Amino acid sequence: MASPMRNLLADPARYLQSFRLFLERSTEHQSMQEFVQGQLPAVLASIGNGKSTINVLSVGGGAGEMDLQILSKIRARYPGVTINNDVIEPKRVAQASNLENIKFTWHKETADEYESRMKAEKKTKKWDFIHMIQMLYYVKDIPATIRYFHSLLESQAKLLVILVSGKSGWETLWKKFGSSFPLDGLCCYVSSADLPRMLDAAGLKYQLYELPSHMDITSCFIEGDKDGELLLDFLTETLDFAKTAPPELKRQVMEELRKPGCSEIRDGKVIFNNNLGVIVIEP
């Protein structure tokens, strides 16, 4: 019998709702912000040396909160320099930015579509900084995508990738149950643990950073709780997981989410390990 489970991305409105709740209940953005404040300046230290213009490419920047923080760090390092910031994001609404000396260009397409279009137009624009934050799950061929964007780096540039960590609850959950979740060709599971193998095979140099992050998933264990159901959808990439998952799968997933590999119990709350992995790839 065909499974009634469908991928969460089949309902963009519910996906967005669950993603917003995930950001609200997790320290995802705070963890990234701490990295941007603490470690990113050293990564950016020489990308614009001797340049009057710095070209930045944001691949799959979502709503753009992190883009603006990264740009403000580049501007702080290179005051007065013009920054061209191109954004590849299929679902994005262009946001007004009041950052001086920064010119935005929007490409309403996926990373795969951008690559195909550039190759068809025989264009190769080079970049001083490229970042791919939480988006490699949605490309068709991860190693090929990394190789392509790496090939666009200038000689002092850097490519920054942020993914869920190989030491996170995501890794435990998805390594065990990923084959039972309905990916429908819309996404795939990858973590920072998978990248060294791909990068080593491509002969690329890189540094890895681990960012601690967590998320309160207590509501997932309250039967009928609307927020809990949304978070479960996000954790499993499944539309209405609580209602459509086979009972045995649901039981096993709920059990796993409480275990030390995924979460810890703190003050009666279930706190999921949402650690992030950051990979900085050299030109």
C-alpha atoms as a PDB file:
ATOM      1  CA  MET A   1       0.000   0.000   0.000  1.00  0.00           C
ATOM      2  CA  ALA A   2       1.307   3.457  -0.886  1.00  0.00           C
ATOM      3  CA  SER A   3       2.339   5.486   2.129  1.00  0.00           C
ATOM      4  CA  PRO A   4       0.100   8.469   2.933  1.00  0.00           C
ATOM      5  CA  MET A   5       3.162  10.346   4.232  1.00  0.00           C
ATOM      6  CA  ARG A   6       4.171  13.375   2.153  1.00  0.00           C
ATOM      7  CA  ASN A   7       7.187  15.635   2.251  1.00  0.00           C
ATOM      8  CA  LEU A   8       6.732  18.853   4.226  1.00  0.00           C
ATOM      9  CA  LEU A   9       7.930  20.920   1.240  1.00  0.00           C
ATOM     10  CA  ALA A  10       4.781  19.823  -0.638  1.00  0.00           C
ATOM     11  CA  ASP A  11       2.966  22.430   1.503  1.00  0.00           C
ATOM     12  CA  PRO A  12       5.146  25.590   1.390  1.00  0.00           C
ATOM     13  CA  ALA A  13       2.915  27.508   3.835  1.00  0.00           C
ATOM     14  CA  ARG A  14       3.144  24.791   6.491  1.00  0.00           C
ATOM     15  CA  TYR A  15       6.878  24.416   5.862  1.00  0.00           C
ATOM     16  CA  LEU A  16       7.345  28.141   6.497  1.00  0.00           C
ATOM     17  CA  GLN A  17       5.166  27.990   9.615  1.00  0.00           C
ATOM     18  CA  SER A  18       7.175  25.061  11.020  1.00  0.00           C
ATOM     19  CA  PHE A  19      10.492  26.714  10.101  1.00  0.00           C
ATOM     20  CA  ARG A  20       9.524  29.939  11.904  1.00  0.00           C
ATOM     21  CA  LEU A  21       8.526  27.955  14.988  1.00  0.00           C
ATOM     22  CA  PHE A  22      11.842  26.070  14.801  1.00  0.00           C
ATOM     23  CA  LEU A  23      13.737  29.403  14.816  1.00  0.00           C
ATOM     24  CA  GLU A  24      11.620  30.609  17.744  1.00  0.00           C
ATOM     25  CA  ARG A  25      12.160  27.448  19.837  1.00  0.00           C
ATOM     26  CA  SER A  26      15.827  26.904  18.974  1.00  0.00           C
ATOM     27  CA  THR A  27      19.069  28.829  19.427  1.00  0.00           C
ATOM     28  CA  GLU A  28      19.855  28.334  15.700  1.00  0.00           C
ATOM     29  CA  HIS A  29      20.247  32.008  14.797  1.00  0.00           C
ATOM     30  CA  GLN A  30      21.879  32.937  18.116  1.00  0.00           C
ATOM     31  CA  SER A  31      24.527  30.244  17.494  1.00  0.00           C
ATOM     32  CA  MET A  32      25.179  31.539  13.976  1.00  0.00           C
ATOM     33  CA  GLN A  33      25.302  35.118  15.267  1.00  0.00           C
ATOM     34  CA  GLU A  34      27.921  34.145  17.858  1.00  0.00           C
ATOM     35  CA  PHE A  35      30.021  32.626  15.063  1.00  0.00           C
ATOM     36  CA  VAL A  36      29.596  35.765  12.929  1.00  0.00           C
ATOM     37  CA  GLN A  37      30.629  37.970  15.877  1.00  0.00           C
ATOM     38  CA  GLY A  38      33.448  35.749  17.159  1.00  0.00           C
ATOM     39  CA  GLN A  39      35.080  33.691  14.402  1.00  0.00           C
ATOM     40  CA  LEU A  40      33.928  35.200  11.102  1.00  0.00           C
ATOM     41  CA  PRO A  41      36.129  38.350  11.234  1.00  0.00           C
ATOM     42  CA  ALA A  42      39.274  36.161  11.072  1.00  0.00           C
ATOM     43  CA  VAL A  43      37.787  34.243   8.101  1.00  0.00           C
ATOM     44  CA  LEU A  44      37.122  37.550   6.298  1.00  0.00           C
ATOM     45  CA  ALA A  45      40.477  39.085   7.236  1.00  0.00           C
ATOM     46  CA  SER A  46      42.061  39.025   3.764  1.00  0.00           C
ATOM     47  CA  ILE A  47      39.206  38.508   1.261  1.00  0.00           C
ATOM     48  CA  GLY A  48      39.205  42.157   0.159  1.00  0.00           C
ATOM     49  CA  ASN A  49      42.874  43.107   0.416  1.00  0.00           C
ATOM     50  CA  GLY A  50      43.734  45.728  -2.199  1.00  0.00           C
ATOM     51  CA  LYS A  51      40.214  45.747  -3.666  1.00  0.00           C
ATOM     52  CA  SER A  52      37.888  48.711  -4.207  1.00  0.00           C
ATOM     53  CA  THR A  53      34.898  46.373  -4.693  1.00  0.00           C
ATOM     54  CA  ILE A  54      34.075  43.136  -2.854  1.00  0.00           C
ATOM     55  CA  ASN A  55      31.711  40.635  -4.494  1.00  0.00           C
ATOM     56  CA  VAL A  56      29.630  38.460  -2.157  1.00  0.00           C
ATOM     57  CA  LEU A  57      27.333  35.608  -3.194  1.00  0.00           C
ATOM     58  CA  SER A  58      24.618  34.318  -0.851  1.00  0.00           C
ATOM     59  CA  VAL A  59      23.337  30.911  -1.983  1.00  0.00           C
ATOM     60  CA  GLY A  60      19.923  30.071  -0.499  1.00  0.00           C
ATOM     61  CA  GLY A  61      19.914  32.900   2.029  1.00  0.00           C
ATOM     62  CA  GLY A  62      16.258  32.435   3.029  1.00  0.00           C
ATOM     63  CA  ALA A  63      14.814  35.540   4.671  1.00  0.00           C
ATOM     64  CA  GLY A  64      18.241  37.185   4.757  1.00  0.00           C
ATOM     65  CA  GLU A  65      18.799  37.820   8.484  1.00  0.00           C
ATOM     66  CA  MET A  66      22.232  36.187   8.396  1.00  0.00           C
ATOM     67  CA  ASP A  67      23.146  37.884   5.087  1.00  0.00           C
ATOM     68  CA  LEU A  68      22.845  41.315   6.682  1.00  0.00           C
ATOM     69  CA  GLN A  69      24.978  40.322   9.683  1.00  0.00           C
ATOM     70  CA  ILE A  70      27.701  38.909   7.430  1.00  0.00           C
ATOM     71  CA  LEU A  71      27.645  42.037   5.248  1.00  0.00           C
ATOM     72  CA  SER A  72      27.989  44.321   8.256  1.00  0.00           C
ATOM     73  CA  LYS A  73      31.118  42.364   9.310  1.00  0.00           C
ATOM     74  CA  ILE A  74      32.618  42.692   5.806  1.00  0.00           C
ATOM     75  CA  ARG A  75      31.844  46.402   5.838  1.00  0.00           C
ATOM     76  CA  ALA A  76      33.447  46.795   9.277  1.00  0.00           C
ATOM     77  CA  ARG A  77      36.613  45.075   8.000  1.00  0.00           C
ATOM     78  CA  TYR A  78      36.709  47.086   4.740  1.00  0.00           C
ATOM     79  CA  PRO A  79      35.091  50.471   5.451  1.00  0.00           C
ATOM     80  CA  GLY A  80      34.293  52.578   2.392  1.00  0.00           C
ATOM     81  CA  VAL A  81      34.657  49.684  -0.062  1.00  0.00           C
ATOM     82  CA  THR A  82      31.692  48.998  -2.374  1.00  0.00           C
ATOM     83  CA  ILE A  83      30.104  45.591  -1.754  1.00  0.00           C
ATOM     84  CA  ASN A  84      28.097  43.825  -4.457  1.00  0.00           C
ATOM     85  CA  ASN A  85      25.842  41.250  -2.798  1.00  0.00           C
ATOM     86  CA  ASP A  86      24.124  38.753  -5.107  1.00  0.00           C
ATOM     87  CA  VAL A  87      21.458  36.481  -3.631  1.00  0.00           C
ATOM     88  CA  ILE A  88      20.305  33.169  -5.123  1.00  0.00           C
ATOM     89  CA  GLU A  89      17.007  32.320  -3.438  1.00  0.00           C
ATOM     90  CA  PRO A  90      13.895  30.928  -5.179  1.00  0.00           C
ATOM     91  CA  LYS A  91      11.418  31.940  -2.458  1.00  0.00           C
ATOM     92  CA  ARG A  92      12.855  35.273  -1.493  1.00  0.00           C
ATOM     93  CA  VAL A  93      11.085  38.581  -1.277  1.00  0.00           C
ATOM     94  CA  ALA A  94      13.591  41.360  -1.932  1.00  0.00           C
ATOM     95  CA  GLN A  95      14.191  43.220   1.306  1.00  0.00           C
ATOM     96  CA  ALA A  96      15.133  46.849   1.471  1.00  0.00           C
ATOM     97  CA  SER A  97      18.541  47.308   3.015  1.00  0.00           C
ATOM     98  CA  ASN A  98      19.768  50.566   4.477  1.00  0.00           C
ATOM     99  CA  LEU A  99      23.402  49.459   4.463  1.00  0.00           C
ATOM    100  CA  GLU A 100      25.504  52.071   2.699  1.00  0.00           C
ATOM    101  CA  ASN A 101      27.831  51.088  -0.163  1.00  0.00           C
ATOM    102  CA  ILE A 102      26.054  47.746  -0.628  1.00  0.00           C
ATOM    103  CA  LYS A 103      24.371  46.899  -3.905  1.00  0.00           C
ATOM    104  CA  PHE A 104      21.905  43.988  -3.911  1.00  0.00           C
ATOM    105  CA  THR A 105      21.084  41.803  -6.920  1.00  0.00           C
ATOM    106  CA  TRP A 106      18.399  39.112  -6.604  1.00  0.00           C
ATOM    107  CA  HIS A 107      18.322  35.858  -8.574  1.00  0.00           C
ATOM    108  CA  LYS A 108      14.954  34.202  -7.974  1.00  0.00           C
ATOM    109  CA  GLU A 109      16.153  30.667  -8.707  1.00  0.00           C
ATOM    110  CA  THR A 110      17.677  27.628  -7.024  1.00  0.00           C
ATOM    111  CA  ALA A 111      21.424  26.975  -6.815  1.00  0.00           C
ATOM    112  CA  ASP A 112      21.034  24.268  -9.488  1.00  0.00           C
ATOM    113  CA  GLU A 113      19.137  26.664 -11.793  1.00  0.00           C
ATOM    114  CA  TYR A 114      21.749  29.398 -11.300  1.00  0.00           C
ATOM    115  CA  GLU A 115      24.575  26.997 -12.179  1.00  0.00           C
ATOM    116  CA  SER A 116      22.742  25.745 -15.305  1.00  0.00           C
ATOM    117  CA  ARG A 117      21.967  29.298 -16.442  1.00  0.00           C
ATOM    118  CA  MET A 118      25.556  30.505 -15.940  1.00  0.00           C
ATOM    119  CA  LYS A 119      26.922  27.529 -17.863  1.00  0.00           C
ATOM    120  CA  ALA A 120      24.381  28.021 -20.671  1.00  0.00           C
ATOM    121  CA  GLU A 121      25.307  31.715 -20.896  1.00  0.00           C
ATOM    122  CA  LYS A 122      29.017  30.749 -20.675  1.00  0.00           C
ATOM    123  CA  LYS A 123      29.466  33.202 -17.812  1.00  0.00           C
ATOM    124  CA  THR A 124      31.914  32.795 -14.949  1.00  0.00           C
ATOM    125  CA  LYS A 125      31.700  35.578 -12.440  1.00  0.00           C
ATOM    126  CA  LYS A 126      34.241  35.324  -9.600  1.00  0.00           C
ATOM    127  CA  TRP A 127      33.439  36.047  -5.944  1.00  0.00           C
ATOM    128  CA  ASP A 128      35.396  37.175  -2.870  1.00  0.00           C
ATOM    129  CA  PHE A 129      33.070  35.461  -0.397  1.00  0.00           C
ATOM    130  CA  ILE A 130      30.366  32.832  -0.974  1.00  0.00           C
ATOM    131  CA  HIS A 131      28.132  31.476   1.774  1.00  0.00           C
ATOM    132  CA  MET A 132      25.727  28.531   1.713  1.00  0.00           C
ATOM    133  CA  ILE A 133      23.780  28.443   4.972  1.00  0.00           C
ATOM    134  CA  GLN A 134      21.509  25.455   5.675  1.00  0.00           C
ATOM    135  CA  MET A 135      20.799  24.858   1.969  1.00  0.00           C
ATOM    136  CA  LEU A 136      22.823  21.852   0.754  1.00  0.00           C
ATOM    137  CA  TYR A 137      19.866  19.569   1.612  1.00  0.00           C
ATOM    138  CA  TYR A 138      18.035  20.963  -1.424  1.00  0.00           C
ATOM    139  CA  VAL A 139      20.545  20.469  -4.266  1.00  0.00           C
ATOM    140  CA  LYS A 140      20.629  17.478  -6.617  1.00  0.00           C
ATOM    141  CA  ASP A 141      24.351  16.663  -6.334  1.00  0.00           C
ATOM    142  CA  ILE A 142      26.116  17.993  -3.235  1.00  0.00           C
ATOM    143  CA  PRO A 143      29.786  17.358  -4.194  1.00  0.00           C
ATOM    144  CA  ALA A 144      29.192  18.799  -7.695  1.00  0.00           C
ATOM    145  CA  THR A 145      27.483  21.901  -6.240  1.00  0.00           C
ATOM    146  CA  ILE A 146      30.385  22.514  -3.838  1.00  0.00           C
ATOM    147  CA  ARG A 147      32.927  22.039  -6.651  1.00  0.00           C
ATOM    148  CA  TYR A 148      31.036  24.448  -8.922  1.00  0.00           C
ATOM    149  CA  PHE A 149      30.761  27.287  -6.381  1.00  0.00           C
ATOM    150  CA  HIS A 150      34.341  26.663  -5.224  1.00  0.00           C
ATOM    151  CA  SER A 151      35.456  27.165  -8.842  1.00  0.00           C
ATOM    152  CA  LEU A 152      34.008  30.709  -8.659  1.00  0.00           C
ATOM    153  CA  LEU A 153      36.295  31.820  -5.792  1.00  0.00           C
ATOM    154  CA  GLU A 154      38.860  34.581  -6.267  1.00  0.00           C
ATOM    155  CA  SER A 155      42.429  33.835  -5.115  1.00  0.00           C
ATOM    156  CA  GLN A 156      41.908  35.197  -1.545  1.00  0.00           C
ATOM    157  CA  ALA A 157      38.239  34.247  -1.259  1.00  0.00           C
ATOM    158  CA  LYS A 158      36.462  31.849   1.102  1.00  0.00           C
ATOM    159  CA  LEU A 159      33.437  29.557   0.776  1.00  0.00           C
ATOM    160  CA  LEU A 160      31.418  29.218   4.001  1.00  0.00           C
ATOM    161  CA  VAL A 161      29.025  26.275   4.476  1.00  0.00           C
ATOM    162  CA  ILE A 162      26.738  25.812   7.499  1.00  0.00           C
ATOM    163  CA  LEU A 163      24.874  22.526   8.048  1.00  0.00           C
ATOM    164  CA  VAL A 164      23.510  20.487  10.915  1.00  0.00           C
ATOM    165  CA  SER A 165      26.397  18.926  12.827  1.00  0.00           C
ATOM    166  CA  GLY A 166      27.363  15.274  12.605  1.00  0.00           C
ATOM    167  CA  LYS A 167      27.267  15.410  16.422  1.00  0.00           C
ATOM    168  CA  SER A 168      23.651  16.659  16.580  1.00  0.00           C
ATOM    169  CA  GLY A 169      20.318  15.013  17.293  1.00  0.00           C
ATOM    170  CA  TRP A 170      19.532  15.440  13.581  1.00  0.00           C
ATOM    171  CA  GLU A 171      22.335  12.987  12.753  1.00  0.00           C
ATOM    172  CA  THR A 172      21.020  10.374  15.208  1.00  0.00           C
ATOM    173  CA  LEU A 173      17.401  10.761  14.075  1.00  0.00           C
ATOM    174  CA  TRP A 174      18.052  10.832  10.332  1.00  0.00           C
ATOM    175  CA  LYS A 175      20.700   8.102  10.205  1.00  0.00           C
ATOM    176  CA  LYS A 176      18.175   5.824  11.912  1.00  0.00           C
ATOM    177  CA  PHE A 177      14.875   6.860  10.281  1.00  0.00           C
ATOM    178  CA  GLY A 178      15.778   8.891   7.172  1.00  0.00           C
ATOM    179  CA  SER A 179      14.883   6.022   4.842  1.00  0.00           C
ATOM    180  CA  SER A 180      11.362   5.940   6.368  1.00  0.00           C
ATOM    181  CA  PHE A 181      10.694   9.668   5.859  1.00  0.00           C
ATOM    182  CA  PRO A 182       9.146  10.813   2.545  1.00  0.00           C
ATOM    183  CA  LEU A 183      11.916  12.805   0.841  1.00  0.00           C
ATOM    184  CA  ASP A 184      10.110  12.668  -2.544  1.00  0.00           C
ATOM    185  CA  GLY A 185      13.237  13.883  -4.336  1.00  0.00           C
ATOM    186  CA  LEU A 186      12.706  17.341  -2.786  1.00  0.00           C
ATOM    187  CA  CYS A 187      15.592  17.139  -0.341  1.00  0.00           C
ATOM    188  CA  CYS A 188      18.218  14.827   1.107  1.00  0.00           C
ATOM    189  CA  TYR A 189      19.922  14.461   4.470  1.00  0.00           C
ATOM    190  CA  VAL A 190      23.508  15.636   4.826  1.00  0.00           C
ATOM    191  CA  SER A 191      25.486  16.806   7.863  1.00  0.00           C
ATOM    192  CA  SER A 192      28.889  18.317   8.579  1.00  0.00           C
ATOM    193  CA  ALA A 193      30.136  14.737   9.147  1.00  0.00           C
ATOM    194  CA  ASP A 194      29.634  13.976   5.426  1.00  0.00           C
ATOM    195  CA  LEU A 195      31.576  16.959   4.098  1.00  0.00           C
ATOM    196  CA  PRO A 196      35.226  16.071   4.878  1.00  0.00           C
ATOM    197  CA  ARG A 197      34.941  12.945   2.692  1.00  0.00           C
ATOM    198  CA  MET A 198      33.542  15.014  -0.215  1.00  0.00           C
ATOM    199  CA  LEU A 199      36.077  17.820   0.229  1.00  0.00           C
ATOM    200  CA  ASP A 200      39.029  15.439   0.606  1.00  0.00           C
ATOM    201  CA  ALA A 201      37.947  13.643  -2.589  1.00  0.00           C
ATOM    202  CA  ALA A 202      37.935  17.015  -4.390  1.00  0.00           C
ATOM    203  CA  GLY A 203      41.352  17.890  -2.900  1.00  0.00           C
ATOM    204  CA  LEU A 204      40.021  20.995  -1.126  1.00  0.00           C
ATOM    205  CA  LYS A 205      41.469  22.601   2.015  1.00  0.00           C
ATOM    206  CA  TYR A 206      39.045  23.535   4.795  1.00  0.00           C
ATOM    207  CA  GLN A 207      38.511  24.246   8.504  1.00  0.00           C
ATOM    208  CA  LEU A 208      35.678  22.824  10.603  1.00  0.00           C
ATOM    209  CA  TYR A 209      33.920  24.545  13.506  1.00  0.00           C
ATOM    210  CA  GLU A 210      31.275  23.106  15.838  1.00  0.00           C
ATOM    211  CA  LEU A 211      28.541  25.502  17.044  1.00  0.00           C
ATOM    212  CA  PRO A 212      26.526  24.424  20.096  1.00  0.00           C
ATOM    213  CA  SER A 213      22.780  24.921  19.647  1.00  0.00           C
ATOM    214  CA  HIS A 214      19.625  23.415  21.127  1.00  0.00           C
ATOM    215  CA  MET A 215      15.841  23.399  20.748  1.00  0.00           C
ATOM    216  CA  ASP A 216      13.006  22.853  23.212  1.00  0.00           C
ATOM    217  CA  ILE A 217      10.856  20.029  21.786  1.00  0.00           C
ATOM    218  CA  THR A 218       8.790  19.361  24.941  1.00  0.00           C
ATOM    219  CA  SER A 219       5.563  20.272  23.094  1.00  0.00           C
ATOM    220  CA  CYS A 220       6.144  17.348  20.665  1.00  0.00           C
ATOM    221  CA  PHE A 221       5.225  14.986  23.514  1.00  0.00           C
ATOM    222  CA  ILE A 222       1.895  16.663  24.313  1.00  0.00           C
ATOM    223  CA  GLU A 223      -0.783  14.817  22.335  1.00  0.00           C
ATOM    224  CA  GLY A 224      -2.682  17.184  20.014  1.00  0.00           C
ATOM    225  CA  ASP A 225      -0.398  20.184  20.716  1.00  0.00           C
ATOM    226  CA  LYS A 226      -0.369  22.260  17.496  1.00  0.00           C
ATOM    227  CA  ASP A 227       3.170  23.615  18.005  1.00  0.00           C
ATOM    228  CA  GLY A 228       4.424  20.152  18.892  1.00  0.00           C
ATOM    229  CA  GLU A 229       2.947  18.769  15.668  1.00  0.00           C
ATOM    230  CA  LEU A 230       4.591  21.554  13.639  1.00  0.00           C
ATOM    231  CA  LEU A 231       8.001  20.870  15.207  1.00  0.00           C
ATOM    232  CA  LEU A 232       7.599  17.135  14.545  1.00  0.00           C
ATOM    233  CA  ASP A 233       6.883  17.963  10.896  1.00  0.00           C
ATOM    234  CA  PHE A 234      10.083  20.014  10.772  1.00  0.00           C
ATOM    235  CA  LEU A 235      12.193  17.334  12.489  1.00  0.00           C
ATOM    236  CA  THR A 236      10.983  14.608  10.110  1.00  0.00           C
ATOM    237  CA  GLU A 237      10.464  16.751   6.937  1.00  0.00           C
ATOM    238  CA  THR A 238       7.008  15.146   6.864  1.00  0.00           C
ATOM    239  CA  LEU A 239       3.644  16.860   6.370  1.00  0.00           C
ATOM    240  CA  ASP A 240       1.372  16.103   9.373  1.00  0.00           C
ATOM    241  CA  PHE A 241       3.748  13.445  10.703  1.00  0.00           C
ATOM    242  CA  ALA A 242       1.694  12.962  13.896  1.00  0.00           C
ATOM    243  CA  LYS A 243      -1.403  12.111  11.829  1.00  0.00           C
ATOM    244  CA  THR A 244       0.031  10.283   8.794  1.00  0.00           C
ATOM    245  CA  ALA A 245       3.016   8.285  10.107  1.00  0.00           C
ATOM    246  CA  PRO A 246       2.452   4.552  10.650  1.00  0.00           C
ATOM    247  CA  PRO A 247       1.887   4.063  14.424  1.00  0.00           C
ATOM    248  CA  GLU A 248       5.030   1.951  14.888  1.00  0.00           C
ATOM    249  CA  LEU A 249       7.263   4.505  13.126  1.00  0.00           C
ATOM    250  CA  LYS A 250       5.723   7.313  15.177  1.00  0.00           C
ATOM    251  CA  ARG A 251       6.290   5.359  18.406  1.00  0.00           C
ATOM    252  CA  GLN A 252       9.945   4.677  17.534  1.00  0.00           C
ATOM    253  CA  VAL A 253      10.629   8.292  16.481  1.00  0.00           C
ATOM    254  CA  MET A 254       9.059   9.695  19.664  1.00  0.00           C
ATOM    255  CA  GLU A 255      11.102   7.246  21.746  1.00  0.00           C
ATOM    256  CA  GLU A 256      14.320   8.149  19.896  1.00  0.00           C
ATOM    257  CA  LEU A 257      13.739  11.898  20.330  1.00  0.00           C
ATOM    258  CA  ARG A 258      13.888  11.465  24.124  1.00  0.00           C
ATOM    259  CA  LYS A 259      17.111   9.430  24.098  1.00  0.00           C
ATOM    260  CA  PRO A 260      20.576  10.910  24.858  1.00  0.00           C
ATOM    261  CA  GLY A 261      21.616  10.599  21.175  1.00  0.00           C
ATOM    262  CA  CYS A 262      18.992  13.236  20.305  1.00  0.00           C
ATOM    263  CA  SER A 263      18.105  15.175  23.437  1.00  0.00           C
ATOM    264  CA  GLU A 264      18.670  15.719  27.117  1.00  0.00           C
ATOM    265  CA  ILE A 265      16.025  16.200  29.786  1.00  0.00           C
ATOM    266  CA  ARG A 266      16.556  19.539  31.560  1.00  0.00           C
ATOM    267  CA  ASP A 267      14.193  20.797  34.298  1.00  0.00           C
ATOM    268  CA  GLY A 268      11.498  18.474  32.965  1.00  0.00           C
ATOM    269  CA  LYS A 269      11.938  19.798  29.406  1.00  0.00           C
ATOM    270  CA  VAL A 270      13.132  17.787  26.405  1.00  0.00           C
ATOM    271  CA  ILE A 271      16.021  19.748  24.859  1.00  0.00           C
ATOM    272  CA  PHE A 272      17.039  18.562  21.374  1.00  0.00           C
ATOM    273  CA  ASN A 273      20.702  18.806  20.294  1.00  0.00           C
ATOM    274  CA  ASN A 274      20.584  21.240  17.351  1.00  0.00           C
ATOM    275  CA  ASN A 275      24.383  21.678  17.003  1.00  0.00           C
ATOM    276  CA  LEU A 276      25.651  23.172  13.746  1.00  0.00           C
ATOM    277  CA  GLY A 277      28.767  22.451  11.739  1.00  0.00           C
ATOM    278  CA  VAL A 278      30.569  25.272   9.931  1.00  0.00           C
ATOM    279  CA  ILE A 279      32.994  24.494   7.123  1.00  0.00           C
ATOM    280  CA  VAL A 280      35.244  27.228   5.720  1.00  0.00           C
ATOM    281  CA  ILE A 281      36.705  26.157   2.367  1.00  0.00           C
ATOM    282  CA  GLU A 282      39.884  27.738   1.011  1.00  0.00           C
ATOM    283  CA  PRO A 283      40.215  28.818  -2.651  1.00  0.00           C
END
